[in-house]
Amino acid sequence: MKSKLLVWLIPLLLLASLVGCSKGPTQYVNEEFGYTISYPGDWIFIEPSENVIIIKPDAKTKNQIQVGVYPGEANIVSLPEAQAAEIVEQILKEVFDALGDNILEITSSEPISDKWDWEATFEVYCAGIVLKGEYYLKETPLLTYTLFVLAEGEWPEATSVLESFYFIQ
């Protein structure tokens, strides 16, 4: 009887210890710029400046989510749609040109009526790798918010992180 109990107890204890080791979600709150975002607790969080954060699953992957907050309005939303799309495309080109020799293809760029004012989707061809991306923009009278999602292939975990982003003004 004792040996049967040990046969069941040991695997249960091992399973419980593994479950206890996994990290739950981490919530980042930026009160200065008025937003919050949640991400898996075992992901890497980088804050290269006071107005930019980068979240990625690990150090080796190209997959990442970047949030940036910049002073002033970009004044994109008030422009005619075609002109706004051109400006968003120019912003994306400047970003990826600064990173080196890349080929950028915008697949969509349009206003949306969600928590964001504008959404663009794109692909970047970089060193033989195709990266898929999403770009979101929100303008307020004082600040412009941007959020990039960049992924090598499918990255379903990014969706829940993106959906966790909220303005807390």
N, C-alpha and C. Protein backbone atom coordinates (compact mmCIF):
# COMPACT_ATOMS: atom_id res chain seq x y z
N MET A 1 0.82 -1.19 0.00
CA MET A 1 0.00 0.00 0.00
C MET A 1 0.87 1.25 0.00
N LYS A 2 1.93 1.24 0.82
CA LYS A 2 2.82 2.38 0.91
C LYS A 2 3.51 2.66 -0.44
N SER A 3 3.91 1.61 -1.15
CA SER A 3 4.59 1.79 -2.43
C SER A 3 3.63 2.36 -3.48
N LYS A 4 2.35 1.97 -3.45
CA LYS A 4 1.37 2.53 -4.38
C LYS A 4 1.16 4.01 -4.10
N LEU A 5 1.14 4.38 -2.85
CA LEU A 5 0.98 5.78 -2.47
C LEU A 5 2.17 6.59 -2.97
N LEU A 6 3.39 6.06 -2.82
CA LEU A 6 4.58 6.76 -3.29
C LEU A 6 4.60 6.89 -4.82
N VAL A 7 4.10 5.87 -5.52
CA VAL A 7 4.05 5.92 -6.98
C VAL A 7 3.19 7.10 -7.44
N TRP A 8 2.13 7.40 -6.75
CA TRP A 8 1.25 8.52 -7.11
C TRP A 8 1.73 9.84 -6.51
N LEU A 9 2.27 9.81 -5.34
CA LEU A 9 2.65 11.02 -4.64
C LEU A 9 3.86 11.70 -5.27
N ILE A 10 4.86 10.93 -5.66
CA ILE A 10 6.08 11.53 -6.22
C ILE A 10 5.79 12.29 -7.53
N PRO A 11 5.07 11.70 -8.51
CA PRO A 11 4.76 12.48 -9.71
C PRO A 11 3.92 13.72 -9.42
N LEU A 12 3.00 13.62 -8.48
CA LEU A 12 2.19 14.79 -8.13
C LEU A 12 3.05 15.90 -7.53
N LEU A 13 4.00 15.55 -6.69
CA LEU A 13 4.89 16.55 -6.11
C LEU A 13 5.78 17.19 -7.17
N LEU A 14 6.26 16.39 -8.11
CA LEU A 14 7.07 16.93 -9.20
C LEU A 14 6.25 17.89 -10.06
N LEU A 15 5.04 17.51 -10.39
CA LEU A 15 4.16 18.36 -11.18
C LEU A 15 3.87 19.66 -10.44
N ALA A 16 3.58 19.57 -9.16
CA ALA A 16 3.31 20.77 -8.36
C ALA A 16 4.52 21.69 -8.33
N SER A 17 5.72 21.13 -8.26
CA SER A 17 6.92 21.98 -8.23
C SER A 17 7.13 22.67 -9.57
N LEU A 18 6.82 21.99 -10.67
CA LEU A 18 6.96 22.62 -11.98
C LEU A 18 5.95 23.73 -12.16
N VAL A 19 4.73 23.52 -11.75
CA VAL A 19 3.70 24.55 -11.86
C VAL A 19 4.11 25.76 -11.02
N GLY A 20 4.66 25.54 -9.86
CA GLY A 20 5.08 26.63 -9.00
C GLY A 20 6.22 27.45 -9.57
N CYS A 21 6.99 26.87 -10.49
CA CYS A 21 8.15 27.56 -11.05
C CYS A 21 7.77 28.51 -12.19
N SER A 22 6.64 28.31 -12.82
CA SER A 22 6.29 29.18 -13.93
C SER A 22 5.84 30.54 -13.42
N LYS A 23 6.22 31.58 -14.14
CA LYS A 23 5.86 32.93 -13.74
C LYS A 23 4.54 33.32 -14.37
N GLY A 24 3.73 34.01 -13.60
CA GLY A 24 2.48 34.54 -14.12
C GLY A 24 2.75 35.83 -14.89
N PRO A 25 1.69 36.48 -15.33
CA PRO A 25 1.87 37.71 -16.10
C PRO A 25 2.44 38.84 -15.24
N THR A 26 3.19 39.71 -15.90
CA THR A 26 3.73 40.91 -15.28
C THR A 26 2.99 42.09 -15.87
N GLN A 27 2.59 43.02 -15.04
CA GLN A 27 1.92 44.22 -15.53
C GLN A 27 2.86 45.40 -15.37
N TYR A 28 3.10 46.09 -16.48
CA TYR A 28 3.91 47.31 -16.47
C TYR A 28 2.95 48.48 -16.49
N VAL A 29 3.11 49.39 -15.56
CA VAL A 29 2.27 50.59 -15.49
C VAL A 29 3.18 51.80 -15.62
N ASN A 30 2.90 52.65 -16.59
CA ASN A 30 3.64 53.89 -16.75
C ASN A 30 2.69 55.03 -16.44
N GLU A 31 2.74 55.51 -15.21
CA GLU A 31 1.83 56.57 -14.77
C GLU A 31 2.18 57.91 -15.42
N GLU A 32 3.47 58.13 -15.69
CA GLU A 32 3.87 59.40 -16.30
C GLU A 32 3.23 59.58 -17.68
N PHE A 33 3.22 58.51 -18.47
CA PHE A 33 2.67 58.60 -19.82
C PHE A 33 1.27 58.00 -19.94
N GLY A 34 0.74 57.45 -18.86
CA GLY A 34 -0.65 57.03 -18.81
C GLY A 34 -1.01 55.78 -19.60
N TYR A 35 -0.26 54.69 -19.41
CA TYR A 35 -0.65 53.44 -20.05
C TYR A 35 -0.18 52.26 -19.22
N THR A 36 -0.76 51.10 -19.51
CA THR A 36 -0.38 49.86 -18.87
C THR A 36 -0.38 48.74 -19.91
N ILE A 37 0.48 47.76 -19.71
CA ILE A 37 0.55 46.60 -20.60
C ILE A 37 0.99 45.40 -19.77
N SER A 38 0.42 44.23 -20.06
CA SER A 38 0.79 43.00 -19.36
C SER A 38 1.47 42.04 -20.33
N TYR A 39 2.39 41.26 -19.79
CA TYR A 39 3.13 40.31 -20.62
C TYR A 39 3.57 39.14 -19.74
N PRO A 40 3.88 37.99 -20.35
CA PRO A 40 4.32 36.84 -19.55
C PRO A 40 5.53 37.18 -18.68
N GLY A 41 5.51 36.73 -17.45
CA GLY A 41 6.53 37.09 -16.48
C GLY A 41 7.93 36.61 -16.80
N ASP A 42 8.06 35.62 -17.67
CA ASP A 42 9.40 35.14 -18.00
C ASP A 42 9.96 35.80 -19.25
N TRP A 43 9.25 36.80 -19.81
CA TRP A 43 9.77 37.54 -20.95
C TRP A 43 10.77 38.60 -20.48
N ILE A 44 11.53 39.12 -21.43
CA ILE A 44 12.53 40.14 -21.15
C ILE A 44 11.90 41.52 -21.33
N PHE A 45 12.17 42.40 -20.37
CA PHE A 45 11.69 43.78 -20.41
C PHE A 45 12.90 44.69 -20.53
N ILE A 46 12.90 45.56 -21.55
CA ILE A 46 14.00 46.49 -21.78
C ILE A 46 13.42 47.90 -21.84
N GLU A 47 14.08 48.83 -21.17
CA GLU A 47 13.64 50.23 -21.20
C GLU A 47 14.82 51.08 -21.68
N PRO A 48 14.99 51.18 -23.03
CA PRO A 48 16.15 51.90 -23.56
C PRO A 48 16.11 53.41 -23.29
N SER A 49 14.93 53.96 -23.04
CA SER A 49 14.79 55.36 -22.68
C SER A 49 13.51 55.51 -21.85
N GLU A 50 13.31 56.68 -21.27
CA GLU A 50 12.13 56.85 -20.41
C GLU A 50 10.81 56.79 -21.17
N ASN A 51 10.86 56.94 -22.48
CA ASN A 51 9.62 56.94 -23.26
C ASN A 51 9.47 55.72 -24.18
N VAL A 52 10.37 54.74 -24.09
CA VAL A 52 10.30 53.55 -24.94
C VAL A 52 10.53 52.30 -24.09
N ILE A 53 9.68 51.28 -24.32
CA ILE A 53 9.91 49.97 -23.72
C ILE A 53 9.88 48.92 -24.81
N ILE A 54 10.62 47.85 -24.59
CA ILE A 54 10.64 46.70 -25.50
C ILE A 54 10.40 45.46 -24.66
N ILE A 55 9.50 44.62 -25.14
CA ILE A 55 9.18 43.36 -24.47
C ILE A 55 9.41 42.24 -25.47
N LYS A 56 10.17 41.21 -25.07
CA LYS A 56 10.41 40.09 -25.98
C LYS A 56 10.51 38.79 -25.21
N PRO A 57 10.15 37.68 -25.85
CA PRO A 57 10.15 36.39 -25.17
C PRO A 57 11.52 35.94 -24.66
N ASP A 58 12.58 36.23 -25.43
CA ASP A 58 13.93 35.87 -24.99
C ASP A 58 14.94 36.72 -25.75
N ALA A 59 16.18 36.62 -25.37
CA ALA A 59 17.22 37.48 -25.95
C ALA A 59 17.54 37.14 -27.40
N LYS A 60 17.30 35.90 -27.82
CA LYS A 60 17.70 35.47 -29.16
C LYS A 60 16.67 35.77 -30.24
N THR A 61 15.41 35.86 -29.87
CA THR A 61 14.36 36.02 -30.87
C THR A 61 14.28 37.43 -31.43
N LYS A 62 13.80 37.53 -32.64
CA LYS A 62 13.52 38.84 -33.23
C LYS A 62 12.12 39.32 -32.85
N ASN A 63 11.30 38.41 -32.31
CA ASN A 63 9.95 38.78 -31.90
C ASN A 63 10.01 39.80 -30.77
N GLN A 64 9.26 40.89 -30.94
CA GLN A 64 9.24 41.91 -29.90
C GLN A 64 8.04 42.82 -30.04
N ILE A 65 7.71 43.43 -28.92
CA ILE A 65 6.68 44.46 -28.86
C ILE A 65 7.36 45.70 -28.31
N GLN A 66 7.15 46.81 -28.99
CA GLN A 66 7.77 48.06 -28.56
C GLN A 66 6.70 49.13 -28.41
N VAL A 67 6.71 49.82 -27.28
CA VAL A 67 5.81 50.93 -27.02
C VAL A 67 6.65 52.19 -26.93
N GLY A 68 6.23 53.23 -27.63
CA GLY A 68 6.91 54.52 -27.57
C GLY A 68 5.91 55.63 -27.33
N VAL A 69 6.30 56.62 -26.56
CA VAL A 69 5.44 57.77 -26.27
C VAL A 69 6.28 59.02 -26.55
N TYR A 70 5.71 59.92 -27.37
CA TYR A 70 6.46 61.08 -27.82
C TYR A 70 5.64 62.35 -27.59
N PRO A 71 6.30 63.46 -27.23
CA PRO A 71 5.56 64.69 -26.96
C PRO A 71 4.93 65.26 -28.22
N GLY A 72 3.77 65.84 -28.05
CA GLY A 72 3.09 66.50 -29.16
C GLY A 72 2.27 65.55 -30.01
N GLU A 73 1.39 66.14 -30.78
CA GLU A 73 0.58 65.37 -31.71
C GLU A 73 1.35 65.17 -33.01
N ALA A 74 1.18 64.01 -33.60
CA ALA A 74 1.77 63.77 -34.92
C ALA A 74 0.90 64.41 -36.01
N ASN A 75 -0.32 64.75 -35.67
CA ASN A 75 -1.29 65.37 -36.60
C ASN A 75 -1.54 64.51 -37.83
N ILE A 76 -1.52 63.22 -37.65
CA ILE A 76 -1.78 62.31 -38.75
C ILE A 76 -3.27 62.05 -38.90
N VAL A 77 -3.94 61.90 -37.79
CA VAL A 77 -5.35 61.51 -37.80
C VAL A 77 -6.23 62.55 -38.48
N SER A 78 -5.86 63.82 -38.38
CA SER A 78 -6.69 64.88 -38.96
C SER A 78 -6.48 65.05 -40.46
N LEU A 79 -5.49 64.37 -41.02
CA LEU A 79 -5.19 64.49 -42.45
C LEU A 79 -6.11 63.61 -43.28
N PRO A 80 -6.25 63.91 -44.57
CA PRO A 80 -6.96 62.98 -45.46
C PRO A 80 -6.28 61.61 -45.40
N GLU A 81 -7.06 60.56 -45.55
CA GLU A 81 -6.56 59.20 -45.35
C GLU A 81 -5.34 58.87 -46.20
N ALA A 82 -5.35 59.24 -47.46
CA ALA A 82 -4.22 58.92 -48.35
C ALA A 82 -2.95 59.62 -47.88
N GLN A 83 -3.07 60.87 -47.46
CA GLN A 83 -1.91 61.61 -46.98
C GLN A 83 -1.39 61.04 -45.66
N ALA A 84 -2.31 60.66 -44.78
CA ALA A 84 -1.92 60.05 -43.51
C ALA A 84 -1.19 58.72 -43.75
N ALA A 85 -1.70 57.92 -44.69
CA ALA A 85 -1.07 56.64 -45.01
C ALA A 85 0.36 56.86 -45.52
N GLU A 86 0.57 57.90 -46.33
CA GLU A 86 1.91 58.21 -46.83
C GLU A 86 2.86 58.56 -45.68
N ILE A 87 2.37 59.33 -44.71
CA ILE A 87 3.21 59.72 -43.57
C ILE A 87 3.56 58.51 -42.73
N VAL A 88 2.58 57.63 -42.47
CA VAL A 88 2.84 56.42 -41.70
C VAL A 88 3.87 55.56 -42.43
N GLU A 89 3.72 55.43 -43.74
CA GLU A 89 4.69 54.66 -44.52
C GLU A 89 6.08 55.28 -44.41
N GLN A 90 6.17 56.60 -44.44
CA GLN A 90 7.46 57.28 -44.31
C GLN A 90 8.07 57.03 -42.93
N ILE A 91 7.24 57.07 -41.89
CA ILE A 91 7.71 56.79 -40.53
C ILE A 91 8.31 55.39 -40.46
N LEU A 92 7.57 54.42 -41.00
CA LEU A 92 8.05 53.03 -40.96
C LEU A 92 9.34 52.87 -41.77
N LYS A 93 9.43 53.51 -42.92
CA LYS A 93 10.65 53.43 -43.72
C LYS A 93 11.83 54.01 -42.97
N GLU A 94 11.63 55.14 -42.31
CA GLU A 94 12.73 55.75 -41.55
C GLU A 94 13.19 54.83 -40.42
N VAL A 95 12.25 54.20 -39.75
CA VAL A 95 12.59 53.29 -38.65
C VAL A 95 13.45 52.15 -39.18
N PHE A 96 13.00 51.51 -40.25
CA PHE A 96 13.72 50.33 -40.74
C PHE A 96 14.96 50.69 -41.54
N ASP A 97 15.01 51.86 -42.16
CA ASP A 97 16.24 52.31 -42.81
C ASP A 97 17.34 52.53 -41.78
N ALA A 98 16.95 53.03 -40.61
CA ALA A 98 17.93 53.28 -39.55
C ALA A 98 18.54 51.99 -39.02
N LEU A 99 17.84 50.88 -39.21
CA LEU A 99 18.33 49.58 -38.72
C LEU A 99 19.20 48.85 -39.73
N GLY A 100 19.37 49.42 -40.91
CA GLY A 100 20.23 48.78 -41.88
C GLY A 100 19.53 48.52 -43.19
N ASP A 101 20.09 47.60 -43.97
CA ASP A 101 19.61 47.31 -45.32
C ASP A 101 18.41 46.38 -45.25
N ASN A 102 17.22 46.97 -45.30
CA ASN A 102 15.97 46.21 -45.21
C ASN A 102 15.06 46.59 -46.36
N ILE A 103 14.17 45.68 -46.71
CA ILE A 103 13.13 45.98 -47.69
C ILE A 103 11.80 45.95 -46.95
N LEU A 104 11.08 47.06 -46.99
CA LEU A 104 9.82 47.20 -46.28
C LEU A 104 8.67 47.17 -47.27
N GLU A 105 7.67 46.35 -46.96
CA GLU A 105 6.46 46.30 -47.78
C GLU A 105 5.25 46.53 -46.85
N ILE A 106 4.55 47.64 -47.07
CA ILE A 106 3.34 47.95 -46.30
C ILE A 106 2.19 47.14 -46.89
N THR A 107 1.51 46.35 -46.08
CA THR A 107 0.40 45.55 -46.59
C THR A 107 -0.95 46.20 -46.33
N SER A 108 -1.03 47.05 -45.30
CA SER A 108 -2.24 47.85 -45.08
C SER A 108 -1.87 49.03 -44.20
N SER A 109 -2.63 50.11 -44.34
CA SER A 109 -2.41 51.30 -43.53
C SER A 109 -3.72 52.08 -43.55
N GLU A 110 -4.38 52.15 -42.38
CA GLU A 110 -5.70 52.76 -42.37
C GLU A 110 -6.11 53.20 -40.96
N PRO A 111 -7.04 54.16 -40.91
CA PRO A 111 -7.56 54.56 -39.61
C PRO A 111 -8.43 53.44 -39.03
N ILE A 112 -8.43 53.34 -37.73
CA ILE A 112 -9.29 52.35 -37.06
C ILE A 112 -10.01 53.04 -35.92
N SER A 113 -11.13 52.49 -35.54
CA SER A 113 -11.91 53.10 -34.46
C SER A 113 -11.90 52.17 -33.25
N ASP A 114 -10.73 51.96 -32.76
CA ASP A 114 -10.50 51.13 -31.59
C ASP A 114 -9.84 52.04 -30.57
N LYS A 115 -9.06 51.50 -29.67
CA LYS A 115 -8.32 52.36 -28.76
C LYS A 115 -7.21 53.09 -29.49
N TRP A 116 -6.84 52.62 -30.68
CA TRP A 116 -5.83 53.25 -31.52
C TRP A 116 -6.49 54.05 -32.62
N ASP A 117 -5.80 55.07 -33.13
CA ASP A 117 -6.33 55.88 -34.24
C ASP A 117 -5.94 55.30 -35.60
N TRP A 118 -4.78 54.64 -35.67
CA TRP A 118 -4.26 54.18 -36.96
C TRP A 118 -3.60 52.83 -36.79
N GLU A 119 -3.72 51.99 -37.82
CA GLU A 119 -3.05 50.69 -37.83
C GLU A 119 -2.41 50.47 -39.19
N ALA A 120 -1.20 49.97 -39.17
CA ALA A 120 -0.52 49.58 -40.41
C ALA A 120 0.05 48.18 -40.19
N THR A 121 -0.02 47.37 -41.22
CA THR A 121 0.64 46.06 -41.18
C THR A 121 1.70 46.06 -42.28
N PHE A 122 2.76 45.30 -42.03
CA PHE A 122 3.88 45.35 -42.97
C PHE A 122 4.71 44.08 -42.86
N GLU A 123 5.59 43.92 -43.85
CA GLU A 123 6.61 42.87 -43.83
C GLU A 123 7.95 43.54 -44.07
N VAL A 124 8.95 43.06 -43.39
CA VAL A 124 10.32 43.56 -43.56
C VAL A 124 11.19 42.37 -43.94
N TYR A 125 11.93 42.54 -45.02
CA TYR A 125 12.87 41.52 -45.46
C TYR A 125 14.25 41.95 -45.00
N CYS A 126 14.82 41.19 -44.09
CA CYS A 126 16.07 41.59 -43.45
C CYS A 126 16.99 40.38 -43.36
N ALA A 127 18.12 40.44 -44.05
CA ALA A 127 19.13 39.37 -43.99
C ALA A 127 18.51 37.99 -44.26
N GLY A 128 17.65 37.91 -45.26
CA GLY A 128 17.04 36.63 -45.63
C GLY A 128 15.89 36.18 -44.74
N ILE A 129 15.49 37.00 -43.82
CA ILE A 129 14.39 36.67 -42.90
C ILE A 129 13.22 37.59 -43.19
N VAL A 130 12.02 37.02 -43.18
CA VAL A 130 10.82 37.83 -43.33
C VAL A 130 10.22 38.06 -41.95
N LEU A 131 10.10 39.32 -41.58
CA LEU A 131 9.48 39.69 -40.31
C LEU A 131 8.15 40.34 -40.61
N LYS A 132 7.11 39.91 -39.90
CA LYS A 132 5.80 40.51 -40.06
C LYS A 132 5.58 41.49 -38.92
N GLY A 133 4.93 42.60 -39.23
CA GLY A 133 4.76 43.61 -38.20
C GLY A 133 3.40 44.29 -38.23
N GLU A 134 3.10 44.86 -37.10
CA GLU A 134 1.92 45.70 -36.93
C GLU A 134 2.38 46.98 -36.26
N TYR A 135 1.79 48.10 -36.67
CA TYR A 135 2.13 49.41 -36.11
C TYR A 135 0.82 50.09 -35.74
N TYR A 136 0.75 50.57 -34.51
CA TYR A 136 -0.45 51.26 -34.03
C TYR A 136 -0.05 52.66 -33.57
N LEU A 137 -0.93 53.62 -33.80
CA LEU A 137 -0.67 55.00 -33.43
C LEU A 137 -1.90 55.59 -32.77
N LYS A 138 -1.69 56.35 -31.70
CA LYS A 138 -2.77 57.05 -31.00
C LYS A 138 -2.29 58.46 -30.72
N GLU A 139 -3.08 59.47 -31.10
CA GLU A 139 -2.74 60.85 -30.84
C GLU A 139 -3.64 61.41 -29.74
N THR A 140 -3.04 62.15 -28.84
CA THR A 140 -3.78 62.92 -27.84
C THR A 140 -3.28 64.37 -27.99
N PRO A 141 -3.93 65.31 -27.35
CA PRO A 141 -3.45 66.70 -27.48
C PRO A 141 -2.00 66.90 -27.02
N LEU A 142 -1.53 66.08 -26.10
CA LEU A 142 -0.18 66.27 -25.57
C LEU A 142 0.84 65.23 -26.02
N LEU A 143 0.37 64.01 -26.35
CA LEU A 143 1.30 62.92 -26.63
C LEU A 143 0.87 62.11 -27.85
N THR A 144 1.86 61.47 -28.47
CA THR A 144 1.60 60.50 -29.53
C THR A 144 2.15 59.16 -29.04
N TYR A 145 1.31 58.13 -29.07
CA TYR A 145 1.68 56.78 -28.64
C TYR A 145 1.87 55.92 -29.87
N THR A 146 2.90 55.08 -29.87
CA THR A 146 3.08 54.10 -30.93
C THR A 146 3.31 52.73 -30.30
N LEU A 147 2.86 51.72 -30.98
CA LEU A 147 3.09 50.35 -30.54
C LEU A 147 3.45 49.52 -31.77
N PHE A 148 4.60 48.87 -31.73
CA PHE A 148 5.06 47.97 -32.79
C PHE A 148 4.97 46.54 -32.30
N VAL A 149 4.52 45.66 -33.16
CA VAL A 149 4.64 44.22 -32.95
C VAL A 149 5.46 43.71 -34.13
N LEU A 150 6.56 43.05 -33.84
CA LEU A 150 7.43 42.52 -34.89
C LEU A 150 7.65 41.05 -34.62
N ALA A 151 7.37 40.19 -35.62
CA ALA A 151 7.44 38.75 -35.39
C ALA A 151 8.05 38.02 -36.59
N GLU A 152 8.81 37.01 -36.26
CA GLU A 152 9.34 36.10 -37.26
C GLU A 152 8.38 34.92 -37.31
N GLY A 153 7.49 34.90 -38.30
CA GLY A 153 6.47 33.86 -38.37
C GLY A 153 5.27 34.17 -37.49
N GLU A 154 4.50 33.15 -37.19
CA GLU A 154 3.33 33.32 -36.35
C GLU A 154 3.75 33.51 -34.89
N TRP A 155 3.05 34.39 -34.19
CA TRP A 155 3.36 34.67 -32.80
C TRP A 155 2.07 34.96 -32.04
N PRO A 156 1.28 33.92 -31.74
CA PRO A 156 -0.04 34.13 -31.13
C PRO A 156 0.02 34.78 -29.74
N GLU A 157 1.11 34.60 -29.01
CA GLU A 157 1.22 35.20 -27.67
C GLU A 157 1.20 36.73 -27.73
N ALA A 158 1.61 37.29 -28.85
CA ALA A 158 1.63 38.74 -28.98
C ALA A 158 0.23 39.33 -28.93
N THR A 159 -0.76 38.58 -29.38
CA THR A 159 -2.14 39.08 -29.40
C THR A 159 -2.63 39.41 -28.00
N SER A 160 -2.38 38.53 -27.04
CA SER A 160 -2.86 38.80 -25.68
C SER A 160 -2.11 39.98 -25.06
N VAL A 161 -0.84 40.14 -25.39
CA VAL A 161 -0.09 41.29 -24.88
C VAL A 161 -0.65 42.57 -25.49
N LEU A 162 -0.88 42.55 -26.79
CA LEU A 162 -1.45 43.71 -27.48
C LEU A 162 -2.81 44.08 -26.89
N GLU A 163 -3.64 43.07 -26.66
CA GLU A 163 -4.98 43.32 -26.10
C GLU A 163 -4.92 43.83 -24.66
N SER A 164 -3.81 43.59 -23.97
CA SER A 164 -3.69 44.03 -22.56
C SER A 164 -3.31 45.50 -22.45
N PHE A 165 -2.94 46.14 -23.55
CA PHE A 165 -2.54 47.54 -23.52
C PHE A 165 -3.75 48.43 -23.28
N TYR A 166 -3.65 49.31 -22.28
CA TYR A 166 -4.74 50.25 -21.98
C TYR A 166 -4.18 51.62 -21.65
N PHE A 167 -4.91 52.64 -22.05
CA PHE A 167 -4.61 54.01 -21.65
C PHE A 167 -5.25 54.24 -20.28
N ILE A 168 -4.52 54.85 -19.36
CA ILE A 168 -5.04 55.02 -17.99
C ILE A 168 -5.13 56.49 -17.58
N GLN A 169 -5.27 57.39 -18.52
CA GLN A 169 -5.23 58.83 -18.22
C GLN A 169 -6.32 59.24 -17.30
